[in-house]
C-alpha atoms as a PDB file:
ATOM      1  CA  MET A   1     169.523  -5.562  47.237  1.00  0.00           C
ATOM      2  CA  VAL A   2     168.082  -7.009  44.063  1.00  0.00           C
ATOM      3  CA  LEU A   3     164.656  -8.488  43.429  1.00  0.00           C
ATOM      4  CA  LYS A   4     164.508 -11.826  41.652  1.00  0.00           C
ATOM      5  CA  SER A   5     161.251 -12.173  39.771  1.00  0.00           C
ATOM      6  CA  LEU A   6     159.850 -15.465  38.456  1.00  0.00           C
ATOM      7  CA  PRO A   7     157.059 -15.226  35.853  1.00  0.00           C
ATOM      8  CA  LYS A   8     153.898 -16.955  36.988  1.00  0.00           C
ATOM      9  CA  ASN A   9     153.215 -18.239  33.487  1.00  0.00           C
ATOM     10  CA  TYR A  10     156.301 -20.489  33.687  1.00  0.00           C
ATOM     11  CA  THR A  11     156.669 -21.051  37.440  1.00  0.00           C
ATOM     12  CA  ALA A  12     154.486 -23.235  39.635  1.00  0.00           C
ATOM     13  CA  VAL A  13     153.932 -21.795  43.109  1.00  0.00           C
ATOM     14  CA  LYS A  14     155.520 -24.876  44.714  1.00  0.00           C
ATOM     15  CA  ASP A  15     158.649 -24.316  42.622  1.00  0.00           C
ATOM     16  CA  PHE A  16     158.806 -20.722  43.785  1.00  0.00           C
ATOM     17  CA  TYR A  17     158.439 -21.761  47.424  1.00  0.00           C
ATOM     18  CA  ARG A  18     161.139 -24.414  46.969  1.00  0.00           C
ATOM     19  CA  GLU A  19     163.664 -22.012  45.433  1.00  0.00           C
ATOM     20  CA  PHE A  20     162.988 -19.299  48.013  1.00  0.00           C
ATOM     21  CA  HIS A  21     163.219 -21.830  50.858  1.00  0.00           C
ATOM     22  CA  TYR A  22     166.551 -23.296  49.702  1.00  0.00           C
ATOM     23  CA  SER A  23     167.994 -19.865  48.866  1.00  0.00           C
ATOM     24  CA  TYR A  24     167.038 -18.419  52.233  1.00  0.00           C
ATOM     25  CA  HIS A  25     168.266 -21.261  54.450  1.00  0.00           C
ATOM     26  CA  LEU A  26     171.462 -22.052  52.518  1.00  0.00           C
ATOM     27  CA  SER A  27     172.547 -18.399  52.481  1.00  0.00           C
ATOM     28  CA  ALA A  28     173.998 -18.824  55.957  1.00  0.00           C
ATOM     29  CA  HIS A  29     177.180 -19.908  54.168  1.00  0.00           C
ATOM     30  CA  ARG A  30     179.619 -17.102  53.319  1.00  0.00           C
ATOM     31  CA  ASN A  31     180.002 -18.321  49.716  1.00  0.00           C
ATOM     32  CA  ILE A  32     176.283 -18.550  48.974  1.00  0.00           C
ATOM     33  CA  VAL A  33     174.428 -15.398  48.010  1.00  0.00           C
ATOM     34  CA  SER A  34     172.347 -13.948  50.862  1.00  0.00           C
ATOM     35  CA  THR A  35     168.575 -14.153  50.525  1.00  0.00           C
ATOM     36  CA  PHE A  36     166.429 -11.907  52.713  1.00  0.00           C
ATOM     37  CA  ASP A  37     163.112 -12.743  54.361  1.00  0.00           C
ATOM     38  CA  VAL A  38     161.258 -10.646  51.799  1.00  0.00           C
ATOM     39  CA  ALA A  39     158.951 -12.365  49.333  1.00  0.00           C
ATOM     40  CA  PHE A  40     155.760 -11.283  47.613  1.00  0.00           C
ATOM     41  CA  GLN A  41     153.788 -11.646  44.418  1.00  0.00           C
ATOM     42  CA  THR A  42     152.411  -9.297  41.790  1.00  0.00           C
ATOM     43  CA  ALA A  43     149.803 -10.012  39.173  1.00  0.00           C
ATOM     44  CA  SER A  44     152.432 -11.588  36.914  1.00  0.00           C
ATOM     45  CA  PHE A  45     155.429 -12.500  39.080  1.00  0.00           C
ATOM     46  CA  TYR A  46     156.649 -14.187  42.242  1.00  0.00           C
ATOM     47  CA  VAL A  47     159.405 -12.089  43.785  1.00  0.00           C
ATOM     48  CA  PHE A  48     162.035 -12.385  46.535  1.00  0.00           C
ATOM     49  CA  ALA A  49     164.982 -10.238  47.629  1.00  0.00           C
ATOM     50  CA  GLN A  50     168.696 -11.055  47.546  1.00  0.00           C
ATOM     51  CA  GLU A  51     171.947  -9.197  48.098  1.00  0.00           C
ATOM     52  CA  TYR A  52     173.463  -7.225  45.255  1.00  0.00           C
ATOM     53  CA  ALA A  53     176.680  -8.441  43.580  1.00  0.00           C
ATOM     54  CA  PRO A  54     178.590  -5.292  42.550  1.00  0.00           C
ATOM     55  CA  LEU A  55     180.837  -7.034  39.976  1.00  0.00           C
ATOM     56  CA  GLY A  56     178.245  -9.248  38.307  1.00  0.00           C
ATOM     57  CA  ASP A  57     178.786 -12.920  37.570  1.00  0.00           C
ATOM     58  CA  LEU A  58     181.879 -14.874  36.611  1.00  0.00           C
ATOM     59  CA  THR A  59     180.965 -14.813  32.922  1.00  0.00           C
ATOM     60  CA  SER A  60     181.445 -11.037  32.753  1.00  0.00           C
ATOM     61  CA  ASN A  61     184.747 -11.194  34.661  1.00  0.00           C
ATOM     62  CA  ILE A  62     186.564 -13.845  32.646  1.00  0.00           C
ATOM     63  CA  SER A  63     188.860 -13.134  29.690  1.00  0.00           C
ATOM     64  CA  ASP A  64     189.839 -15.237  26.680  1.00  0.00           C
ATOM     65  CA  ASN A  65     192.723 -16.569  28.779  1.00  0.00           C
ATOM     66  CA  GLY A  66     190.684 -17.258  31.910  1.00  0.00           C
ATOM     67  CA  ILE A  67     191.382 -15.547  35.237  1.00  0.00           C
ATOM     68  CA  GLY A  68     194.812 -16.985  35.979  1.00  0.00           C
ATOM     69  CA  GLU A  69     195.950 -19.799  38.228  1.00  0.00           C
ATOM     70  CA  LEU A  70     195.942 -17.973  41.583  1.00  0.00           C
ATOM     71  CA  HIS A  71     192.445 -16.561  41.057  1.00  0.00           C
ATOM     72  CA  SER A  72     191.193 -19.904  39.757  1.00  0.00           C
ATOM     73  CA  LYS A  73     192.433 -21.634  42.908  1.00  0.00           C
ATOM     74  CA  SER A  74     190.707 -18.986  45.031  1.00  0.00           C
ATOM     75  CA  VAL A  75     187.429 -19.563  43.160  1.00  0.00           C
ATOM     76  CA  ALA A  76     187.896 -23.346  43.453  1.00  0.00           C
ATOM     77  CA  LYS A  77     188.342 -23.267  47.244  1.00  0.00           C
ATOM     78  CA  GLN A  78     185.300 -21.070  47.802  1.00  0.00           C
ATOM     79  CA  LEU A  79     183.114 -22.952  45.352  1.00  0.00           C
ATOM     80  CA  VAL A  80     184.074 -26.316  46.872  1.00  0.00           C
ATOM     81  CA  SER A  81     183.161 -24.971  50.321  1.00  0.00           C
ATOM     82  CA  ALA A  82     179.724 -23.833  49.086  1.00  0.00           C
ATOM     83  CA  ILE A  83     179.018 -27.104  47.257  1.00  0.00           C
ATOM     84  CA  GLN A  84     180.066 -29.225  50.211  1.00  0.00           C
ATOM     85  CA  TYR A  85     177.755 -27.180  52.433  1.00  0.00           C
ATOM     86  CA  ILE A  86     174.853 -27.826  50.043  1.00  0.00           C
ATOM     87  CA  HIS A  87     175.685 -31.535  49.904  1.00  0.00           C
ATOM     88  CA  SER A  88     175.775 -31.694  53.726  1.00  0.00           C
ATOM     89  CA  TYR A  89     172.010 -31.075  53.620  1.00  0.00           C
ATOM     90  CA  ASP A  90     171.645 -33.935  51.116  1.00  0.00           C
ATOM     91  CA  LEU A  91     170.890 -31.466  48.327  1.00  0.00           C
ATOM     92  CA  VAL A  92     172.274 -31.164  44.789  1.00  0.00           C
ATOM     93  CA  HIS A  93     172.551 -27.730  43.161  1.00  0.00           C
ATOM     94  CA  ARG A  94     172.365 -29.091  39.568  1.00  0.00           C
ATOM     95  CA  ASP A  95     173.042 -25.732  37.876  1.00  0.00           C
ATOM     96  CA  ILE A  96     176.648 -24.788  38.650  1.00  0.00           C
ATOM     97  CA  LYS A  97     177.931 -22.593  35.818  1.00  0.00           C
ATOM     98  CA  LEU A  98     179.752 -19.281  35.320  1.00  0.00           C
ATOM     99  CA  ASP A  99     176.473 -17.356  35.206  1.00  0.00           C
ATOM    100  CA  ASN A 100     175.501 -18.568  38.678  1.00  0.00           C
ATOM    101  CA  ILE A 101     178.742 -17.565  40.416  1.00  0.00           C
ATOM    102  CA  LEU A 102     178.647 -13.941  41.573  1.00  0.00           C
ATOM    103  CA  VAL A 103     181.772 -11.841  42.101  1.00  0.00           C
ATOM    104  CA  PHE A 104     182.035  -9.480  45.077  1.00  0.00           C
ATOM    105  CA  LYS A 105     185.741  -8.544  44.924  1.00  0.00           C
ATOM    106  CA  SER A 106     187.880  -7.875  41.870  1.00  0.00           C
ATOM    107  CA  ASP A 107     190.616 -10.233  43.098  1.00  0.00           C
ATOM    108  CA  PHE A 108     188.034 -13.057  43.328  1.00  0.00           C
ATOM    109  CA  SER A 109     188.637 -13.388  47.081  1.00  0.00           C
ATOM    110  CA  ARG A 110     184.869 -13.326  47.584  1.00  0.00           C
ATOM    111  CA  ILE A 111     182.600 -15.195  45.189  1.00  0.00           C
ATOM    112  CA  LYS A 112     179.149 -16.603  45.922  1.00  0.00           C
ATOM    113  CA  LEU A 113     177.034 -19.339  44.382  1.00  0.00           C
ATOM    114  CA  CYS A 114     173.457 -18.413  43.513  1.00  0.00           C
ATOM    115  CA  ASP A 115     170.273 -19.632  41.789  1.00  0.00           C
ATOM    116  CA  PHE A 116     168.709 -22.639  43.508  1.00  0.00           C
ATOM    117  CA  GLY A 117     165.839 -23.063  41.067  1.00  0.00           C
ATOM    118  CA  GLU A 118     167.131 -26.486  39.992  1.00  0.00           C
ATOM    119  CA  THR A 119     168.202 -27.671  43.466  1.00  0.00           C
ATOM    120  CA  ARG A 120     166.700 -30.980  44.510  1.00  0.00           C
ATOM    121  CA  LYS A 121     167.149 -33.683  47.115  1.00  0.00           C
ATOM    122  CA  ASN A 122     169.906 -36.163  46.393  1.00  0.00           C
ATOM    123  CA  GLY A 123     168.411 -39.364  44.997  1.00  0.00           C
ATOM    124  CA  SER A 124     165.155 -37.787  43.878  1.00  0.00           C
ATOM    125  CA  TRP A 125     163.805 -38.217  40.350  1.00  0.00           C
ATOM    126  CA  VAL A 126     163.517 -35.198  38.063  1.00  0.00           C
ATOM    127  CA  THR A 127     162.427 -34.598  34.492  1.00  0.00           C
ATOM    128  CA  ARG A 128     165.124 -33.594  32.063  1.00  0.00           C
ATOM    129  CA  ARG A 129     164.578 -30.112  30.664  1.00  0.00           C
ATOM    130  CA  ASN A 130     166.693 -27.950  28.418  1.00  0.00           C
ATOM    131  CA  GLU A 131     169.506 -27.514  30.911  1.00  0.00           C
ATOM    132  CA  TRP A 132     172.685 -25.652  29.931  1.00  0.00           C
ATOM    133  CA  ILE A 133     174.238 -28.293  27.672  1.00  0.00           C
ATOM    134  CA  PRO A 134     178.000 -27.494  27.903  1.00  0.00           C
ATOM    135  CA  TYR A 135     177.866 -28.124  31.673  1.00  0.00           C
ATOM    136  CA  MET A 136     175.705 -31.220  31.510  1.00  0.00           C
ATOM    137  CA  PRO A 137     177.325 -34.581  32.385  1.00  0.00           C
ATOM    138  CA  PRO A 138     177.081 -37.293  29.699  1.00  0.00           C
ATOM    139  CA  GLU A 139     174.745 -39.585  31.655  1.00  0.00           C
ATOM    140  CA  ILE A 140     172.083 -36.864  31.544  1.00  0.00           C
ATOM    141  CA  LEU A 141     172.635 -35.958  27.884  1.00  0.00           C
ATOM    142  CA  VAL A 142     171.788 -39.494  26.771  1.00  0.00           C
ATOM    143  CA  ILE A 143     168.340 -39.134  28.381  1.00  0.00           C
ATOM    144  CA  ASP A 144     165.611 -37.732  26.164  1.00  0.00           C
ATOM    145  CA  THR A 145     163.940 -34.512  27.215  1.00  0.00           C
ATOM    146  CA  GLU A 146     160.825 -34.957  29.317  1.00  0.00           C
ATOM    147  CA  HIS A 147     162.194 -38.278  30.609  1.00  0.00           C
ATOM    148  CA  LYS A 148     163.244 -38.751  34.216  1.00  0.00           C
ATOM    149  CA  TYR A 149     166.646 -39.311  35.773  1.00  0.00           C
ATOM    150  CA  LYS A 150     167.972 -39.638  39.306  1.00  0.00           C
ATOM    151  CA  VAL A 151     169.686 -36.688  40.964  1.00  0.00           C
ATOM    152  CA  ASP A 152     173.225 -37.378  42.173  1.00  0.00           C
ATOM    153  CA  THR A 153     175.887 -35.239  43.863  1.00  0.00           C
ATOM    154  CA  SER A 154     178.377 -36.313  41.193  1.00  0.00           C
ATOM    155  CA  HIS A 155     176.460 -34.045  38.787  1.00  0.00           C
ATOM    156  CA  ASP A 156     177.716 -31.075  40.797  1.00  0.00           C
ATOM    157  CA  VAL A 157     181.239 -32.511  40.730  1.00  0.00           C
ATOM    158  CA  TRP A 158     181.176 -32.598  36.932  1.00  0.00           C
ATOM    159  CA  GLN A 159     179.822 -29.039  36.632  1.00  0.00           C
ATOM    160  CA  PHE A 160     182.390 -27.744  39.121  1.00  0.00           C
ATOM    161  CA  ALA A 161     185.196 -29.217  36.999  1.00  0.00           C
ATOM    162  CA  VAL A 162     183.849 -27.589  33.812  1.00  0.00           C
ATOM    163  CA  VAL A 163     183.690 -24.193  35.578  1.00  0.00           C
ATOM    164  CA  LEU A 164     187.240 -24.588  36.874  1.00  0.00           C
ATOM    165  CA  PHE A 165     188.496 -25.575  33.411  1.00  0.00           C
ATOM    166  CA  VAL A 166     187.058 -22.364  31.916  1.00  0.00           C
ATOM    167  CA  CYS A 167     188.574 -20.284  34.738  1.00  0.00           C
ATOM    168  CA  LEU A 168     192.022 -21.700  33.941  1.00  0.00           C
ATOM    169  CA  THR A 169     191.936 -21.717  30.143  1.00  0.00           C
ATOM    170  CA  GLY A 170     189.203 -19.302  29.057  1.00  0.00           C
ATOM    171  CA  CYS A 171     187.642 -22.130  27.003  1.00  0.00           C
ATOM    172  CA  LEU A 172     185.030 -24.776  27.503  1.00  0.00           C
ATOM    173  CA  PRO A 173     186.574 -28.266  27.270  1.00  0.00           C
ATOM    174  CA  TRP A 174     183.796 -29.142  24.793  1.00  0.00           C
ATOM    175  CA  GLN A 175     180.371 -27.919  23.762  1.00  0.00           C
ATOM    176  CA  LYS A 176     178.576 -31.166  24.482  1.00  0.00           C
ATOM    177  CA  ALA A 177     179.741 -34.239  26.439  1.00  0.00           C
ATOM    178  CA  SER A 178     178.512 -36.730  23.845  1.00  0.00           C
ATOM    179  CA  SER A 179     179.693 -38.675  20.818  1.00  0.00           C
ATOM    180  CA  GLU A 180     178.437 -35.812  18.640  1.00  0.00           C
ATOM    181  CA  ASP A 181     181.263 -33.565  19.839  1.00  0.00           C
ATOM    182  CA  PRO A 182     184.735 -34.363  18.410  1.00  0.00           C
ATOM    183  CA  ARG A 183     186.510 -32.673  21.308  1.00  0.00           C
ATOM    184  CA  PHE A 184     184.704 -34.824  23.854  1.00  0.00           C
ATOM    185  CA  VAL A 185     185.373 -37.937  21.772  1.00  0.00           C
ATOM    186  CA  SER A 186     189.065 -37.014  21.711  1.00  0.00           C
ATOM    187  CA  TYR A 187     189.029 -36.598  25.471  1.00  0.00           C
ATOM    188  CA  VAL A 188     187.379 -39.978  26.083  1.00  0.00           C
ATOM    189  CA  TYR A 189     189.876 -41.646  23.766  1.00  0.00           C
ATOM    190  CA  TRP A 190     192.750 -40.091  25.713  1.00  0.00           C
ATOM    191  CA  LEU A 191     191.111 -41.013  29.003  1.00  0.00           C
ATOM    192  CA  THR A 192     190.664 -44.667  28.092  1.00  0.00           C
ATOM    193  CA  SER A 193     194.140 -45.052  26.590  1.00  0.00           C
ATOM    194  CA  ASN A 194     196.164 -44.214  29.688  1.00  0.00           C
ATOM    195  CA  GLY A 195     196.524 -40.560  28.689  1.00  0.00           C
ATOM    196  CA  ILE A 196     199.100 -39.638  31.308  1.00  0.00           C
ATOM    197  CA  MET A 197     201.514 -42.182  29.752  1.00  0.00           C
ATOM    198  CA  SER A 198     200.585 -41.070  26.220  1.00  0.00           C
ATOM    199  CA  PRO A 199     201.003 -37.271  26.255  1.00  0.00           C
ATOM    200  CA  PHE A 200     200.900 -36.957  22.475  1.00  0.00           C
ATOM    201  CA  ARG A 201     197.310 -38.144  22.522  1.00  0.00           C
ATOM    202  CA  ARG A 202     196.232 -35.382  24.856  1.00  0.00           C
ATOM    203  CA  PRO A 203     193.456 -33.129  23.540  1.00  0.00           C
ATOM    204  CA  LYS A 204     195.001 -29.797  22.594  1.00  0.00           C
ATOM    205  CA  LEU A 205     193.166 -27.824  25.255  1.00  0.00           C
ATOM    206  CA  PHE A 206     194.507 -30.117  27.967  1.00  0.00           C
ATOM    207  CA  LYS A 207     198.054 -29.265  26.924  1.00  0.00           C
ATOM    208  CA  LEU A 208     197.431 -25.919  28.594  1.00  0.00           C
ATOM    209  CA  LEU A 209     197.453 -27.794  31.918  1.00  0.00           C
ATOM    210  CA  THR A 210     200.212 -29.460  33.896  1.00  0.00           C
ATOM    211  CA  SER A 211     200.197 -33.225  34.395  1.00  0.00           C
ATOM    212  CA  ASN A 212     198.902 -32.737  37.981  1.00  0.00           C
ATOM    213  CA  ALA A 213     196.013 -30.576  36.790  1.00  0.00           C
ATOM    214  CA  GLN A 214     195.259 -33.087  34.040  1.00  0.00           C
ATOM    215  CA  ARG A 215     195.106 -35.808  36.668  1.00  0.00           C
ATOM    216  CA  MET A 216     192.637 -33.700  38.679  1.00  0.00           C
ATOM    217  CA  PHE A 217     190.353 -33.107  35.705  1.00  0.00           C
ATOM    218  CA  ARG A 218     190.539 -36.754  34.593  1.00  0.00           C
ATOM    219  CA  LYS A 219     189.225 -37.635  38.034  1.00  0.00           C
ATOM    220  CA  PHE A 220     186.361 -35.132  38.213  1.00  0.00           C
ATOM    221  CA  LEU A 221     185.449 -35.176  34.505  1.00  0.00           C
ATOM    222  CA  GLN A 222     185.025 -38.925  34.552  1.00  0.00           C
ATOM    223  CA  PRO A 223     182.307 -39.824  32.009  1.00  0.00           C
ATOM    224  CA  ASN A 224     181.369 -42.947  33.973  1.00  0.00           C
ATOM    225  CA  ILE A 225     179.163 -41.841  36.859  1.00  0.00           C
ATOM    226  CA  LEU A 226     180.055 -45.026  38.772  1.00  0.00           C
ATOM    227  CA  THR A 227     183.737 -44.069  38.960  1.00  0.00           C
ATOM    228  CA  ARG A 228     183.312 -40.281  39.242  1.00  0.00           C
ATOM    229  CA  PRO A 229     183.679 -38.942  42.814  1.00  0.00           C
ATOM    230  CA  ASN A 230     180.496 -37.932  44.604  1.00  0.00           C
ATOM    231  CA  LEU A 231     182.320 -35.322  46.657  1.00  0.00           C
ATOM    232  CA  LEU A 232     184.988 -32.679  46.056  1.00  0.00           C
ATOM    233  CA  ASP A 233     187.179 -33.445  49.060  1.00  0.00           C
ATOM    234  CA  GLU A 234     190.124 -34.397  46.831  1.00  0.00           C
ATOM    235  CA  VAL A 235     190.432 -30.885  45.362  1.00  0.00           C
ATOM    236  CA  GLN A 236     192.430 -29.998  48.471  1.00  0.00           C
ATOM    237  CA  ASN A 237     195.126 -32.470  47.397  1.00  0.00           C
ATOM    238  CA  PHE A 238     195.803 -30.500  44.214  1.00  0.00           C
ATOM    239  CA  LEU A 239     195.787 -26.911  45.518  1.00  0.00           C
ATOM    240  CA  ASP A 240     199.522 -26.829  46.244  1.00  0.00           C
ATOM    241  CA  GLU A 241     200.372 -28.117  42.771  1.00  0.00           C
ATOM    242  CA  ARG A 242     200.951 -26.005  39.696  1.00  0.00           C
ATOM    243  CA  TRP A 243     197.992 -26.113  37.300  1.00  0.00           C
ATOM    244  CA  LEU A 244     198.928 -24.116  34.180  1.00  0.00           C
ATOM    245  CA  SER A 245     201.646 -25.283  31.781  1.00  0.00           C
ATOM    246  CA  LYS A 246     204.100 -23.186  29.776  1.00  0.00           C
ATOM    247  CA  TYR A 247     201.817 -23.531  26.736  1.00  0.00           C
ATOM    248  CA  MET A 248     199.276 -21.245  28.412  1.00  0.00           C
ATOM    249  CA  LEU A 249     201.614 -18.307  27.789  1.00  0.00           C
ATOM    250  CA  ASP A 250     200.622 -18.472  24.133  1.00  0.00           C
ATOM    251  CA  LYS A 251     197.877 -20.991  23.594  1.00  0.00           C
ATOM    252  CA  THR A 252     197.469 -20.003  19.926  1.00  0.00           C
ATOM    253  CA  LYS A 253     200.706 -21.916  19.209  1.00  0.00           C
ATOM    254  CA  LEU A 254     198.946 -25.159  20.009  1.00  0.00           C
ATOM    255  CA  SER A 255     196.993 -25.130  16.785  1.00  0.00           C
ATOM    256  CA  ASP A 256     196.497 -23.127  13.636  1.00  0.00           C
ATOM    257  CA  ASP A 257     192.854 -24.108  13.828  1.00  0.00           C
ATOM    258  CA  ILE A 258     190.991 -21.582  15.946  1.00  0.00           C
ATOM    259  CA  ASP A 259     188.140 -24.102  16.014  1.00  0.00           C
ATOM    260  CA  GLU A 260     190.105 -26.109  18.566  1.00  0.00           C
ATOM    261  CA  LEU A 261     190.368 -23.244  21.018  1.00  0.00           C
ATOM    262  CA  SER A 262     187.325 -21.035  20.670  1.00  0.00           C
ATOM    263  CA  PRO A 263     184.073 -22.559  21.885  1.00  0.00           C
ATOM    264  CA  SER A 264     182.112 -19.586  20.575  1.00  0.00           C
ATOM    265  CA  LEU A 265     183.073 -20.519  16.985  1.00  0.00           C
ATOM    266  CA  TYR A 266     182.544 -24.229  17.418  1.00  0.00           C
ATOM    267  CA  SER A 267     179.381 -26.082  16.457  1.00  0.00           C
ATOM    268  CA  PHE A 268     178.781 -29.756  17.154  1.00  0.00           C
ATOM    269  CA  GLN A 269     175.621 -29.621  15.024  1.00  0.00           C
ATOM    270  CA  MET A 270     177.479 -29.316  11.684  1.00  0.00           C
ATOM    271  CA  ASP A 271     180.169 -31.243   9.864  1.00  0.00           C
ATOM    272  CA  HIS A 272     183.034 -29.320   8.237  1.00  0.00           C
ATOM    273  CA  GLU A 273     181.385 -29.154   4.813  1.00  0.00           C
ATOM    274  CA  GLU A 274     178.126 -27.813   6.217  1.00  0.00           C
ATOM    275  CA  ASN A 275     180.019 -25.281   8.305  1.00  0.00           C
ATOM    276  CA  LYS A 276     181.985 -24.128   5.234  1.00  0.00           C
ATOM    277  CA  ASN A 277     178.778 -23.623   3.207  1.00  0.00           C
ATOM    278  CA  PHE A 278     177.251 -21.764   6.113  1.00  0.00           C
ATOM    279  CA  LEU A 279     180.188 -19.335   6.337  1.00  0.00           C
ATOM    280  CA  VAL A 280     180.234 -18.821   2.558  1.00  0.00           C
ATOM    281  CA  ALA A 281     176.545 -17.872   2.665  1.00  0.00           C
ATOM    282  CA  PHE A 282     177.279 -15.315   5.364  1.00  0.00           C
ATOM    283  CA  GLY A 283     180.234 -13.965   3.400  1.00  0.00           C
ATOM    284  CA  ASN A 284     178.093 -13.538   0.256  1.00  0.00           C
ATOM    285  CA  CYS A 285     175.748 -11.380   2.315  1.00  0.00           C
ATOM    286  CA  GLY A 286     178.632  -9.154   3.403  1.00  0.00           C
ATOM    287  CA  ILE A 287     178.848 -10.535   6.940  1.00  0.00           C
ATOM    288  CA  GLU A 288     182.369 -10.865   8.317  1.00  0.00           C
ATOM    289  CA  THR A 289     183.052 -14.429   9.490  1.00  0.00           C
ATOM    290  CA  GLY A 290     186.829 -14.424   9.998  1.00  0.00           C
ATOM    291  CA  VAL A 291     188.721 -14.080  13.233  1.00  0.00           C
ATOM    292  CA  ILE A 292     188.282 -10.576  14.624  1.00  0.00           C
ATOM    293  CA  ASP A 293     191.389  -8.420  15.061  1.00  0.00           C
ATOM    294  CA  LYS A 294     190.621  -6.945  18.483  1.00  0.00           C
ATOM    295  CA  ALA A 295     193.265  -4.204  18.220  1.00  0.00           C
ATOM    296  CA  ALA A 296     191.892  -3.068  14.851  1.00  0.00           C
ATOM    297  CA  LYS A 297     188.365  -3.222  16.228  1.00  0.00           C
ATOM    298  CA  LYS A 298     189.283  -0.973  19.168  1.00  0.00           C
ATOM    299  CA  GLU A 299     191.000   1.476  16.827  1.00  0.00           C
ATOM    300  CA  ARG A 300     187.925   1.636  14.563  1.00  0.00           C
ATOM    301  CA  ILE A 301     185.711   2.305  17.582  1.00  0.00           C
ATOM    302  CA  LYS A 302     188.116   4.983  18.823  1.00  0.00           C
ATOM    303  CA  GLN A 303     188.121   6.731  15.431  1.00  0.00           C
ATOM    304  CA  TRP A 304     184.344   6.509  15.191  1.00  0.00           C
ATOM    305  CA  ILE A 305     183.933   8.083  18.644  1.00  0.00           C
ATOM    306  CA  GLN A 306     186.388  10.881  17.827  1.00  0.00           C
ATOM    307  CA  SER A 307     184.660  11.652  14.535  1.00  0.00           C
ATOM    308  CA  SER A 308     181.312  11.782  16.307  1.00  0.00           C
ATOM    309  CA  VAL A 309     182.333  14.216  19.069  1.00  0.00           C
ATOM    310  CA  ILE A 310     180.468  17.506  19.132  1.00  0.00           C
ATOM    311  CA  GLU A 311     183.069  20.254  19.090  1.00  0.00           C
ATOM    312  CA  GLU A 312     182.870  22.322  22.252  1.00  0.00           C
ATOM    313  CA  GLU A 313     183.775  25.990  22.288  1.00  0.00           C
ATOM    314  CA  ASP A 314     187.361  26.482  23.411  1.00  0.00           C
ATOM    315  CA  GLU A 315     187.614  27.634  27.011  1.00  0.00           C
ATOM    316  CA  ASP A 316     190.006  30.483  26.166  1.00  0.00           C
ATOM    317  CA  GLU A 317     187.754  31.693  23.369  1.00  0.00           C
ATOM    318  CA  SER A 318     184.788  31.549  25.762  1.00  0.00           C
ATOM    319  CA  SER A 319     186.690  33.595  28.335  1.00  0.00           C
ATOM    320  CA  GLU A 320     187.639  36.143  25.678  1.00  0.00           C
ATOM    321  CA  GLU A 321     184.004  36.435  24.647  1.00  0.00           C
ATOM    322  CA  ASN A 322     182.967  36.958  28.263  1.00  0.00           C
ATOM    323  CA  SER A 323     185.618  39.658  28.567  1.00  0.00           C
ATOM    324  CA  ARG A 324     184.276  41.466  25.504  1.00  0.00           C
ATOM    325  CA  LEU A 325     180.772  41.339  26.948  1.00  0.00           C
ATOM    326  CA  SER A 326     181.997  42.804  30.221  1.00  0.00           C
ATOM    327  CA  ILE A 327     183.786  45.602  28.409  1.00  0.00           C
ATOM    328  CA  SER A 328     180.602  46.311  26.491  1.00  0.00           C
ATOM    329  CA  CYS A 329     178.693  46.529  29.759  1.00  0.00           C
ATOM    330  CA  ARG A 330     181.165  48.942  31.294  1.00  0.00           C
ATOM    331  CA  SER A 331     181.087  51.206  28.255  1.00  0.00           C
ATOM    332  CA  SER A 332     177.306  51.519  28.400  1.00  0.00           C
ATOM    333  CA  SER A 333     175.566  54.475  29.884  1.00  0.00           C
ATOM    334  CA  ASN A 334     174.831  54.384  33.595  1.00  0.00           C
ATOM    335  CA  ALA A 335     171.106  54.175  32.959  1.00  0.00           C
ATOM    336  CA  GLU A 336     171.417  51.043  30.827  1.00  0.00           C
ATOM    337  CA  ASP A 337     174.333  49.478  32.664  1.00  0.00           C
ATOM    338  CA  ASN A 338     172.463  47.230  35.100  1.00  0.00           C
ATOM    339  CA  GLU A 339     169.982  46.023  32.525  1.00  0.00           C
ATOM    340  CA  ILE A 340     172.637  45.114  29.937  1.00  0.00           C
ATOM    341  CA  TYR A 341     174.756  43.333  32.593  1.00  0.00           C
ATOM    342  CA  ALA A 342     171.762  41.325  33.746  1.00  0.00           C
ATOM    343  CA  LEU A 343     170.859  40.278  30.198  1.00  0.00           C
ATOM    344  CA  THR A 344     174.457  39.416  29.357  1.00  0.00           C
ATOM    345  CA  LYS A 345     174.903  37.326  32.506  1.00  0.00           C
ATOM    346  CA  ARG A 346     171.676  35.452  31.795  1.00  0.00           C
ATOM    347  CA  ASP A 347     172.719  34.679  28.211  1.00  0.00           C
ATOM    348  CA  ILE A 348     176.144  33.417  29.314  1.00  0.00           C
ATOM    349  CA  ASN A 349     174.612  31.167  31.990  1.00  0.00           C
END
């Protein structure tokens, strides 16, 4: 098991009780992490016990190209089941992301949703905090921090779709679902201009998906909360369809601009000129800012490890040395023989 500890300086006791309560009672579902009836406090922390996930979370199991279509569909089915179970109790998870999906089998046939610290009753009012922005639906992003908004199950629908998109493509669809993010603006433009009938207007990342998968994401990543589904029942209708297009075989052909495909290099906070100046400043300080050649990087690491290895004595040479010591022992006088053998054996050991 693992112990989840919540610092008392940042956690009200009612929040601890709420998270433990939801975690414990919802863990009856096979795709929700098990929480045990063990809870206590120390001088600085509130603590409760949960099952151990041997393969970590989804973040540490996903590659630059995602996890493939079959594995993504397996994750989708299990995650939908867990979310629907939560919604059946009129609750909203509110924090569905890669970090909160634990992996129990390497083929992704057993994943579990965890972390119910943000879970609240559907329809309740909550204060907006610094939630994980890339997963946040647009209607929450427009609300200022410390202001209140109403919890809705469609928030989980949006976050589920973002998670599934990353599983399929290895990329976030955008960094921030707002007018500040060009990729989201491009998506909204495509969405409002009958994108299925205008394939050339598709955002480049969505070209990695088939038309059926695009239709699914257009439904669940609907910026308008009034038209976005509140439930995930319709996912079942898409499971028998193909999701990844032929472009996924080599997604780098979609654009010469790595900015379009790599969320880790993308910043919605800067314009292109600011970003250029920023990279130049790094370069002047000797910091590499270009695209990393992974093969070259691995080779450099390999060479560094080999050059750092402490040379061990060759086994044959060691055996020869032992043989010489034994001969020396046998050639000694009978009176000294036992003593020399004992000393020699001790030194060798």
